[in-house]
Amino acid sequence: MSEFIRVTEQPPQYRHLEKMSVQEILTHINNEDKAVPYAVEKALPQIERLVAAISDKMLAGGRLFYVGAGTSGRLGILDASECPPTYGVPPTMVTGIIAGGNIAIVKAVEDAEDDTRQGWLDLVQHHVSKKDFVVGIAASGTTPYVIGALEDCRKHHIETGCITCNAGSPLAAACDYPVEVVVGPEFVTGSTRMKSGTAQKLVLNMISTTAMIQLGRVEDNRMVNMQLNNEKLVDRGVHMLMEKIKMPDYEKAKTLLEKYRTVKKAADAYLKESH
């Protein structure tokens, strides 16, 4: 069997970067970045299948887990951490797990990604079950920590997906719903925090946003369940509520919103009392 070739690790067309001007460097990076959305577009059918499967699990009461190492793990944690404030869901509904534990969010943990068993053990700490869905994230598609986690999920009949930037990878083979966004070599050879990381972030945005819409956490185009954690969000929420219930009085709407804490709950309560 031929050796798996990681496109993400191949050298780019650019040479002697240290001899380039700042303008040249920025222009080349920008030109490379422009290719990322088109690579995501080609993967839309795969993304659709993945999101449909995730939404089915979550609508039935299941949770979503992201598993990754390094940049991939951090991106999963970022996406998961933004779901509660944006959509008002419990923090356990979407969880990001990174090789090496929480310290690896800000500091590299040597050899953590090479442990084939720890990914599953980390999932077990969250009492993962057949009700849940697990997405492995790895630009290379070869990270042992992530592959091992998905292989063990399969043994326990837990549905899985992945986001990778190489076609035909071992990671894709280990999951049920692979998403392969092939962005090509990085501007700096092997620096997958660049195009690959951007592609992963775009796909994660699609996954969580679409799933939350399917779960009824968005009305029209508004975050009616967002947490009101600062004055900017409170003000946004007040204006959303005023529009939704046709209330011209800002202070009255603000008092109502502060009582019920989300636009949806405040609107539902007001409309119920009005009738």
C-alpha atoms as a PDB file:
ATOM      1  CA  MET A   1       0.000   0.000   0.000  1.00  0.00           C
ATOM      2  CA  SER A   2       1.384   3.428  -0.952  1.00  0.00           C
ATOM      3  CA  GLU A   3       2.285   5.878   1.786  1.00  0.00           C
ATOM      4  CA  PHE A   4      -0.358   8.497   2.556  1.00  0.00           C
ATOM      5  CA  ILE A   5       0.763  11.881   1.229  1.00  0.00           C
ATOM      6  CA  ARG A   6      -0.229  14.924   3.262  1.00  0.00           C
ATOM      7  CA  VAL A   7      -0.902  17.793   0.873  1.00  0.00           C
ATOM      8  CA  THR A   8      -0.951  20.067   3.921  1.00  0.00           C
ATOM      9  CA  GLU A   9       2.733  19.275   4.501  1.00  0.00           C
ATOM     10  CA  GLN A  10       3.936  19.861   0.940  1.00  0.00           C
ATOM     11  CA  PRO A  11       6.062  22.946   0.099  1.00  0.00           C
ATOM     12  CA  PRO A  12       4.234  25.830  -1.596  1.00  0.00           C
ATOM     13  CA  GLN A  13       5.126  27.512  -4.880  1.00  0.00           C
ATOM     14  CA  TYR A  14       6.782  30.362  -2.952  1.00  0.00           C
ATOM     15  CA  ARG A  15      10.483  30.269  -2.121  1.00  0.00           C
ATOM     16  CA  HIS A  16      12.872  32.412  -0.062  1.00  0.00           C
ATOM     17  CA  LEU A  17      10.141  34.114   1.938  1.00  0.00           C
ATOM     18  CA  GLU A  18      12.762  35.934   3.983  1.00  0.00           C
ATOM     19  CA  LYS A  19      13.776  37.890   0.879  1.00  0.00           C
ATOM     20  CA  MET A  20      10.254  39.162   0.174  1.00  0.00           C
ATOM     21  CA  SER A  21       9.046  42.629   1.071  1.00  0.00           C
ATOM     22  CA  VAL A  22       6.231  43.006   3.597  1.00  0.00           C
ATOM     23  CA  GLN A  23       3.871  43.891   0.751  1.00  0.00           C
ATOM     24  CA  GLU A  24       4.829  40.748  -1.171  1.00  0.00           C
ATOM     25  CA  ILE A  25       4.319  38.531   1.865  1.00  0.00           C
ATOM     26  CA  LEU A  26       0.900  40.008   2.632  1.00  0.00           C
ATOM     27  CA  THR A  27      -0.208  39.820  -1.004  1.00  0.00           C
ATOM     28  CA  HIS A  28       0.784  36.167  -1.330  1.00  0.00           C
ATOM     29  CA  ILE A  29      -0.890  35.191   1.958  1.00  0.00           C
ATOM     30  CA  ASN A  30      -4.045  37.013   0.893  1.00  0.00           C
ATOM     31  CA  ASN A  31      -4.031  35.289  -2.497  1.00  0.00           C
ATOM     32  CA  GLU A  32      -3.698  31.891  -0.817  1.00  0.00           C
ATOM     33  CA  ASP A  33      -6.496  32.706   1.639  1.00  0.00           C
ATOM     34  CA  LYS A  34      -8.849  33.534  -1.233  1.00  0.00           C
ATOM     35  CA  ALA A  35      -8.804  29.870  -2.264  1.00  0.00           C
ATOM     36  CA  VAL A  36     -10.188  28.651   1.067  1.00  0.00           C
ATOM     37  CA  PRO A  37     -13.909  29.452   0.577  1.00  0.00           C
ATOM     38  CA  TYR A  38     -13.846  27.718  -2.804  1.00  0.00           C
ATOM     39  CA  ALA A  39     -12.385  24.601  -1.203  1.00  0.00           C
ATOM     40  CA  VAL A  40     -15.160  24.732   1.402  1.00  0.00           C
ATOM     41  CA  GLU A  41     -17.735  25.123  -1.384  1.00  0.00           C
ATOM     42  CA  LYS A  42     -16.554  21.883  -2.996  1.00  0.00           C
ATOM     43  CA  ALA A  43     -17.109  20.117   0.342  1.00  0.00           C
ATOM     44  CA  LEU A  44     -20.663  21.428   0.865  1.00  0.00           C
ATOM     45  CA  PRO A  45     -22.339  18.061   0.089  1.00  0.00           C
ATOM     46  CA  GLN A  46     -20.157  16.397   2.744  1.00  0.00           C
ATOM     47  CA  ILE A  47     -20.849  19.222   5.210  1.00  0.00           C
ATOM     48  CA  GLU A  48     -24.594  18.922   4.584  1.00  0.00           C
ATOM     49  CA  ARG A  49     -24.590  15.205   5.396  1.00  0.00           C
ATOM     50  CA  LEU A  50     -22.562  15.825   8.547  1.00  0.00           C
ATOM     51  CA  VAL A  51     -24.766  18.665   9.796  1.00  0.00           C
ATOM     52  CA  ALA A  52     -27.957  16.683   9.121  1.00  0.00           C
ATOM     53  CA  ALA A  53     -26.641  13.786  11.193  1.00  0.00           C
ATOM     54  CA  ILE A  54     -25.522  16.094  14.023  1.00  0.00           C
ATOM     55  CA  SER A  55     -28.859  17.919  14.055  1.00  0.00           C
ATOM     56  CA  ASP A  56     -30.776  14.640  14.273  1.00  0.00           C
ATOM     57  CA  LYS A  57     -28.783  13.627  17.347  1.00  0.00           C
ATOM     58  CA  MET A  58     -29.135  17.012  19.032  1.00  0.00           C
ATOM     59  CA  LEU A  59     -32.876  17.227  18.311  1.00  0.00           C
ATOM     60  CA  ALA A  60     -33.188  13.879  20.089  1.00  0.00           C
ATOM     61  CA  GLY A  61     -31.406  15.292  23.147  1.00  0.00           C
ATOM     62  CA  GLY A  62     -27.831  14.326  22.316  1.00  0.00           C
ATOM     63  CA  ARG A  63     -24.693  16.417  22.668  1.00  0.00           C
ATOM     64  CA  LEU A  64     -21.951  17.432  20.232  1.00  0.00           C
ATOM     65  CA  PHE A  65     -18.260  16.883  20.965  1.00  0.00           C
ATOM     66  CA  TYR A  66     -15.270  18.238  19.045  1.00  0.00           C
ATOM     67  CA  VAL A  67     -11.953  16.399  19.475  1.00  0.00           C
ATOM     68  CA  GLY A  68      -8.652  17.779  18.230  1.00  0.00           C
ATOM     69  CA  ALA A  69      -5.004  18.571  18.958  1.00  0.00           C
ATOM     70  CA  GLY A  70      -3.108  21.849  18.644  1.00  0.00           C
ATOM     71  CA  THR A  71      -4.777  24.456  16.420  1.00  0.00           C
ATOM     72  CA  SER A  72      -7.557  22.024  15.509  1.00  0.00           C
ATOM     73  CA  GLY A  73      -8.360  21.398  19.162  1.00  0.00           C
ATOM     74  CA  ARG A  74      -8.348  25.116  19.954  1.00  0.00           C
ATOM     75  CA  LEU A  75     -10.732  25.839  17.092  1.00  0.00           C
ATOM     76  CA  GLY A  76     -13.141  23.197  18.388  1.00  0.00           C
ATOM     77  CA  ILE A  77     -13.027  24.703  21.865  1.00  0.00           C
ATOM     78  CA  LEU A  78     -13.594  28.182  20.407  1.00  0.00           C
ATOM     79  CA  ASP A  79     -16.689  27.078  18.515  1.00  0.00           C
ATOM     80  CA  ALA A  80     -18.083  25.165  21.488  1.00  0.00           C
ATOM     81  CA  SER A  81     -17.465  28.008  23.939  1.00  0.00           C
ATOM     82  CA  GLU A  82     -19.403  30.481  21.799  1.00  0.00           C
ATOM     83  CA  CYS A  83     -22.604  28.420  21.642  1.00  0.00           C
ATOM     84  CA  PRO A  84     -23.929  29.197  25.179  1.00  0.00           C
ATOM     85  CA  PRO A  85     -23.627  33.013  24.961  1.00  0.00           C
ATOM     86  CA  THR A  86     -24.818  33.157  21.358  1.00  0.00           C
ATOM     87  CA  TYR A  87     -27.711  30.714  21.543  1.00  0.00           C
ATOM     88  CA  GLY A  88     -28.459  30.354  25.255  1.00  0.00           C
ATOM     89  CA  VAL A  89     -27.795  26.599  25.322  1.00  0.00           C
ATOM     90  CA  PRO A  90     -26.261  24.741  28.295  1.00  0.00           C
ATOM     91  CA  PRO A  91     -22.440  24.664  28.255  1.00  0.00           C
ATOM     92  CA  THR A  92     -22.548  20.858  28.074  1.00  0.00           C
ATOM     93  CA  MET A  93     -24.491  20.789  24.795  1.00  0.00           C
ATOM     94  CA  VAL A  94     -21.373  21.459  22.692  1.00  0.00           C
ATOM     95  CA  THR A  95     -17.982  20.557  24.156  1.00  0.00           C
ATOM     96  CA  GLY A  96     -14.472  20.966  22.775  1.00  0.00           C
ATOM     97  CA  ILE A  97     -11.782  18.499  23.876  1.00  0.00           C
ATOM     98  CA  ILE A  98      -8.087  19.084  23.184  1.00  0.00           C
ATOM     99  CA  ALA A  99      -5.134  16.719  23.445  1.00  0.00           C
ATOM    100  CA  GLY A 100      -3.156  17.583  26.570  1.00  0.00           C
ATOM    101  CA  GLY A 101      -6.112  19.085  28.444  1.00  0.00           C
ATOM    102  CA  ASN A 102      -6.938  22.713  29.159  1.00  0.00           C
ATOM    103  CA  ILE A 103      -3.299  23.790  29.477  1.00  0.00           C
ATOM    104  CA  ALA A 104      -2.887  22.914  25.780  1.00  0.00           C
ATOM    105  CA  ILE A 105      -5.284  25.721  24.867  1.00  0.00           C
ATOM    106  CA  VAL A 106      -2.518  28.269  25.473  1.00  0.00           C
ATOM    107  CA  LYS A 107       0.625  26.133  25.572  1.00  0.00           C
ATOM    108  CA  ALA A 108       1.819  23.230  23.451  1.00  0.00           C
ATOM    109  CA  VAL A 109       1.856  19.894  25.298  1.00  0.00           C
ATOM    110  CA  GLU A 110       4.561  17.626  23.901  1.00  0.00           C
ATOM    111  CA  ASP A 111       3.506  14.226  22.529  1.00  0.00           C
ATOM    112  CA  ALA A 112      -0.140  14.660  23.628  1.00  0.00           C
ATOM    113  CA  GLU A 113      -1.409  14.234  20.079  1.00  0.00           C
ATOM    114  CA  ASP A 114       0.443  10.915  19.682  1.00  0.00           C
ATOM    115  CA  ASP A 115      -1.569   9.078  22.363  1.00  0.00           C
ATOM    116  CA  THR A 116      -4.042   6.789  20.593  1.00  0.00           C
ATOM    117  CA  ARG A 117      -6.058   6.004  23.735  1.00  0.00           C
ATOM    118  CA  GLN A 118      -6.344   9.332  25.532  1.00  0.00           C
ATOM    119  CA  GLY A 119      -8.906  10.844  23.157  1.00  0.00           C
ATOM    120  CA  TRP A 120     -11.431   8.170  24.057  1.00  0.00           C
ATOM    121  CA  LEU A 121     -10.586   8.395  27.747  1.00  0.00           C
ATOM    122  CA  ASP A 122     -11.182  12.159  27.611  1.00  0.00           C
ATOM    123  CA  LEU A 123     -14.587  11.560  26.021  1.00  0.00           C
ATOM    124  CA  VAL A 124     -15.457   9.009  28.707  1.00  0.00           C
ATOM    125  CA  GLN A 125     -14.859  11.713  31.315  1.00  0.00           C
ATOM    126  CA  HIS A 126     -17.902  13.440  29.783  1.00  0.00           C
ATOM    127  CA  HIS A 127     -19.968  10.216  29.836  1.00  0.00           C
ATOM    128  CA  VAL A 128     -20.216  10.115  26.038  1.00  0.00           C
ATOM    129  CA  SER A 129     -22.895   7.724  24.755  1.00  0.00           C
ATOM    130  CA  LYS A 130     -24.770   6.570  21.642  1.00  0.00           C
ATOM    131  CA  LYS A 131     -27.055   9.587  22.045  1.00  0.00           C
ATOM    132  CA  ASP A 132     -24.144  11.921  21.271  1.00  0.00           C
ATOM    133  CA  PHE A 133     -22.141  12.850  18.169  1.00  0.00           C
ATOM    134  CA  VAL A 134     -18.345  13.258  17.975  1.00  0.00           C
ATOM    135  CA  VAL A 135     -16.446  15.282  15.365  1.00  0.00           C
ATOM    136  CA  GLY A 136     -12.692  14.814  15.035  1.00  0.00           C
ATOM    137  CA  ILE A 137     -10.697  17.782  13.742  1.00  0.00           C
ATOM    138  CA  ALA A 138      -7.223  17.335  12.244  1.00  0.00           C
ATOM    139  CA  ALA A 139      -5.795  19.191   9.258  1.00  0.00           C
ATOM    140  CA  SER A 140      -3.403  16.334   8.459  1.00  0.00           C
ATOM    141  CA  GLY A 141      -6.014  13.628   8.929  1.00  0.00           C
ATOM    142  CA  THR A 142      -3.376  11.539  10.674  1.00  0.00           C
ATOM    143  CA  THR A 143      -3.398  12.708  14.322  1.00  0.00           C
ATOM    144  CA  PRO A 144      -3.339   9.547  16.509  1.00  0.00           C
ATOM    145  CA  TYR A 145      -5.205  11.194  19.419  1.00  0.00           C
ATOM    146  CA  VAL A 146      -8.134  12.064  17.162  1.00  0.00           C
ATOM    147  CA  ILE A 147      -8.159   8.880  15.088  1.00  0.00           C
ATOM    148  CA  GLY A 148      -8.039   6.738  18.225  1.00  0.00           C
ATOM    149  CA  ALA A 149     -10.986   8.610  19.709  1.00  0.00           C
ATOM    150  CA  LEU A 150     -13.121   8.060  16.610  1.00  0.00           C
ATOM    151  CA  GLU A 151     -12.148   4.416  16.294  1.00  0.00           C
ATOM    152  CA  ASP A 152     -13.223   3.808  19.881  1.00  0.00           C
ATOM    153  CA  CYS A 153     -16.456   5.722  19.245  1.00  0.00           C
ATOM    154  CA  ARG A 154     -17.180   3.341  16.371  1.00  0.00           C
ATOM    155  CA  LYS A 155     -16.633   0.360  18.674  1.00  0.00           C
ATOM    156  CA  HIS A 156     -19.226   1.837  21.035  1.00  0.00           C
ATOM    157  CA  HIS A 157     -21.702   2.607  18.213  1.00  0.00           C
ATOM    158  CA  ILE A 158     -21.318   6.381  18.546  1.00  0.00           C
ATOM    159  CA  GLU A 159     -21.744   8.311  15.285  1.00  0.00           C
ATOM    160  CA  THR A 160     -18.782  10.399  14.172  1.00  0.00           C
ATOM    161  CA  GLY A 161     -17.628  12.927  11.623  1.00  0.00           C
ATOM    162  CA  CYS A 162     -14.384  14.751  10.881  1.00  0.00           C
ATOM    163  CA  ILE A 163     -12.951  17.922   9.395  1.00  0.00           C
ATOM    164  CA  THR A 164      -9.649  17.409   7.603  1.00  0.00           C
ATOM    165  CA  CYS A 165      -7.692  19.127   4.845  1.00  0.00           C
ATOM    166  CA  ASN A 166      -6.294  16.040   3.129  1.00  0.00           C
ATOM    167  CA  ALA A 167      -8.287  13.695   0.893  1.00  0.00           C
ATOM    168  CA  GLY A 168      -8.467   9.985   1.663  1.00  0.00           C
ATOM    169  CA  SER A 169      -6.895  10.275   5.122  1.00  0.00           C
ATOM    170  CA  PRO A 170      -6.907   7.684   7.931  1.00  0.00           C
ATOM    171  CA  LEU A 171      -9.113  10.066   9.921  1.00  0.00           C
ATOM    172  CA  ALA A 172     -11.768  10.122   7.196  1.00  0.00           C
ATOM    173  CA  ALA A 173     -11.684   6.316   7.092  1.00  0.00           C
ATOM    174  CA  ALA A 174     -12.261   6.190  10.854  1.00  0.00           C
ATOM    175  CA  CYS A 175     -15.516   8.184  10.820  1.00  0.00           C
ATOM    176  CA  ASP A 176     -19.046   8.009   9.422  1.00  0.00           C
ATOM    177  CA  TYR A 177     -19.330  11.505   7.935  1.00  0.00           C
ATOM    178  CA  PRO A 178     -15.982  12.852   6.683  1.00  0.00           C
ATOM    179  CA  VAL A 179     -15.552  16.441   5.534  1.00  0.00           C
ATOM    180  CA  GLU A 180     -12.446  16.967   3.401  1.00  0.00           C
ATOM    181  CA  VAL A 181     -11.577  20.585   2.609  1.00  0.00           C
ATOM    182  CA  VAL A 182      -8.422  20.371   0.512  1.00  0.00           C
ATOM    183  CA  VAL A 183      -6.814  23.819   0.591  1.00  0.00           C
ATOM    184  CA  GLY A 184      -3.399  22.732  -0.672  1.00  0.00           C
ATOM    185  CA  PRO A 185       0.095  23.552   0.660  1.00  0.00           C
ATOM    186  CA  GLU A 186       0.459  26.350   3.202  1.00  0.00           C
ATOM    187  CA  PHE A 187       2.358  29.594   2.516  1.00  0.00           C
ATOM    188  CA  VAL A 188       4.827  28.510   5.212  1.00  0.00           C
ATOM    189  CA  THR A 189       5.364  24.796   4.689  1.00  0.00           C
ATOM    190  CA  GLY A 190       3.283  22.743   7.125  1.00  0.00           C
ATOM    191  CA  SER A 191       1.883  25.751   9.039  1.00  0.00           C
ATOM    192  CA  THR A 192      -1.672  24.447   9.094  1.00  0.00           C
ATOM    193  CA  ARG A 193      -2.859  27.213  11.413  1.00  0.00           C
ATOM    194  CA  MET A 194      -3.101  29.241   8.183  1.00  0.00           C
ATOM    195  CA  LYS A 195      -5.342  28.057   5.311  1.00  0.00           C
ATOM    196  CA  SER A 196      -6.232  24.762   6.961  1.00  0.00           C
ATOM    197  CA  GLY A 197      -7.181  26.495  10.203  1.00  0.00           C
ATOM    198  CA  THR A 198      -9.265  29.034   8.300  1.00  0.00           C
ATOM    199  CA  ALA A 199     -11.082  26.239   6.463  1.00  0.00           C
ATOM    200  CA  GLN A 200     -11.773  24.393   9.706  1.00  0.00           C
ATOM    201  CA  LYS A 201     -13.138  27.567  11.313  1.00  0.00           C
ATOM    202  CA  LEU A 202     -15.475  28.168   8.372  1.00  0.00           C
ATOM    203  CA  VAL A 203     -16.825  24.606   8.558  1.00  0.00           C
ATOM    204  CA  LEU A 204     -17.245  24.810  12.341  1.00  0.00           C
ATOM    205  CA  ASN A 205     -19.217  28.042  11.884  1.00  0.00           C
ATOM    206  CA  MET A 206     -21.491  26.176   9.478  1.00  0.00           C
ATOM    207  CA  ILE A 207     -21.943  23.198  11.782  1.00  0.00           C
ATOM    208  CA  SER A 208     -22.854  25.043  14.968  1.00  0.00           C
ATOM    209  CA  THR A 209     -24.899  27.795  13.290  1.00  0.00           C
ATOM    210  CA  THR A 210     -26.986  25.392  11.216  1.00  0.00           C
ATOM    211  CA  ALA A 211     -27.492  22.989  14.114  1.00  0.00           C
ATOM    212  CA  MET A 212     -28.645  25.809  16.400  1.00  0.00           C
ATOM    213  CA  ILE A 213     -31.085  27.060  13.764  1.00  0.00           C
ATOM    214  CA  GLN A 214     -32.442  23.514  13.458  1.00  0.00           C
ATOM    215  CA  LEU A 215     -32.833  23.427  17.237  1.00  0.00           C
ATOM    216  CA  GLY A 216     -34.976  26.572  17.146  1.00  0.00           C
ATOM    217  CA  ARG A 217     -32.414  28.825  18.805  1.00  0.00           C
ATOM    218  CA  VAL A 218     -32.783  31.476  16.071  1.00  0.00           C
ATOM    219  CA  GLU A 219     -35.937  33.309  14.994  1.00  0.00           C
ATOM    220  CA  ASP A 220     -35.952  35.133  11.655  1.00  0.00           C
ATOM    221  CA  ASN A 221     -32.246  36.078  11.607  1.00  0.00           C
ATOM    222  CA  ARG A 222     -31.980  36.983  15.297  1.00  0.00           C
ATOM    223  CA  MET A 223     -30.167  35.475  18.286  1.00  0.00           C
ATOM    224  CA  VAL A 224     -33.300  35.551  20.442  1.00  0.00           C
ATOM    225  CA  ASN A 225     -31.774  33.240  23.062  1.00  0.00           C
ATOM    226  CA  MET A 226     -28.431  35.006  23.472  1.00  0.00           C
ATOM    227  CA  GLN A 227     -27.089  35.636  26.968  1.00  0.00           C
ATOM    228  CA  LEU A 228     -27.153  39.292  27.997  1.00  0.00           C
ATOM    229  CA  ASN A 229     -23.605  39.509  29.311  1.00  0.00           C
ATOM    230  CA  ASN A 230     -22.815  43.163  28.608  1.00  0.00           C
ATOM    231  CA  GLU A 231     -24.428  46.502  27.817  1.00  0.00           C
ATOM    232  CA  LYS A 232     -23.997  46.099  24.064  1.00  0.00           C
ATOM    233  CA  LEU A 233     -25.913  42.821  24.104  1.00  0.00           C
ATOM    234  CA  VAL A 234     -28.580  44.205  26.423  1.00  0.00           C
ATOM    235  CA  ASP A 235     -29.125  47.143  24.068  1.00  0.00           C
ATOM    236  CA  ARG A 236     -29.280  44.819  21.066  1.00  0.00           C
ATOM    237  CA  GLY A 237     -31.739  42.601  22.927  1.00  0.00           C
ATOM    238  CA  VAL A 238     -33.974  45.530  23.874  1.00  0.00           C
ATOM    239  CA  HIS A 239     -34.249  46.669  20.261  1.00  0.00           C
ATOM    240  CA  MET A 240     -34.963  43.096  19.130  1.00  0.00           C
ATOM    241  CA  LEU A 241     -37.710  42.819  21.743  1.00  0.00           C
ATOM    242  CA  MET A 242     -39.205  46.200  20.829  1.00  0.00           C
ATOM    243  CA  GLU A 243     -39.418  45.128  17.205  1.00  0.00           C
ATOM    244  CA  LYS A 244     -40.779  41.664  18.002  1.00  0.00           C
ATOM    245  CA  ILE A 245     -43.623  42.765  20.294  1.00  0.00           C
ATOM    246  CA  LYS A 246     -44.178  46.186  18.663  1.00  0.00           C
ATOM    247  CA  MET A 247     -43.308  48.077  21.863  1.00  0.00           C
ATOM    248  CA  PRO A 248     -42.102  51.680  21.313  1.00  0.00           C
ATOM    249  CA  ASP A 249     -41.026  52.248  24.945  1.00  0.00           C
ATOM    250  CA  TYR A 250     -37.291  51.408  25.307  1.00  0.00           C
ATOM    251  CA  GLU A 251     -37.224  51.458  29.121  1.00  0.00           C
ATOM    252  CA  LYS A 252     -40.327  49.309  29.429  1.00  0.00           C
ATOM    253  CA  ALA A 253     -38.867  46.790  26.984  1.00  0.00           C
ATOM    254  CA  LYS A 254     -35.571  46.806  28.880  1.00  0.00           C
ATOM    255  CA  THR A 255     -37.346  46.115  32.183  1.00  0.00           C
ATOM    256  CA  LEU A 256     -39.186  43.208  30.570  1.00  0.00           C
ATOM    257  CA  LEU A 257     -35.986  41.819  29.092  1.00  0.00           C
ATOM    258  CA  GLU A 258     -34.113  42.080  32.406  1.00  0.00           C
ATOM    259  CA  LYS A 259     -36.917  40.150  34.087  1.00  0.00           C
ATOM    260  CA  TYR A 260     -36.932  37.217  31.643  1.00  0.00           C
ATOM    261  CA  ARG A 261     -33.244  37.374  30.567  1.00  0.00           C
ATOM    262  CA  THR A 262     -33.756  36.412  26.901  1.00  0.00           C
ATOM    263  CA  VAL A 263     -35.622  38.053  24.040  1.00  0.00           C
ATOM    264  CA  LYS A 264     -37.584  34.872  23.345  1.00  0.00           C
ATOM    265  CA  LYS A 265     -38.768  34.365  26.932  1.00  0.00           C
ATOM    266  CA  ALA A 266     -39.622  38.037  27.344  1.00  0.00           C
ATOM    267  CA  ALA A 267     -41.578  38.139  24.073  1.00  0.00           C
ATOM    268  CA  ASP A 268     -43.421  34.896  24.820  1.00  0.00           C
ATOM    269  CA  ALA A 269     -44.392  36.110  28.303  1.00  0.00           C
ATOM    270  CA  TYR A 270     -45.534  39.520  27.039  1.00  0.00           C
ATOM    271  CA  LEU A 271     -47.584  38.092  24.185  1.00  0.00           C
ATOM    272  CA  LYS A 272     -49.189  35.520  26.493  1.00  0.00           C
ATOM    273  CA  GLU A 273     -50.155  38.202  29.017  1.00  0.00           C
ATOM    274  CA  SER A 274     -51.480  40.432  26.214  1.00  0.00           C
ATOM    275  CA  HIS A 275     -53.876  37.734  25.116  1.00  0.00           C
END
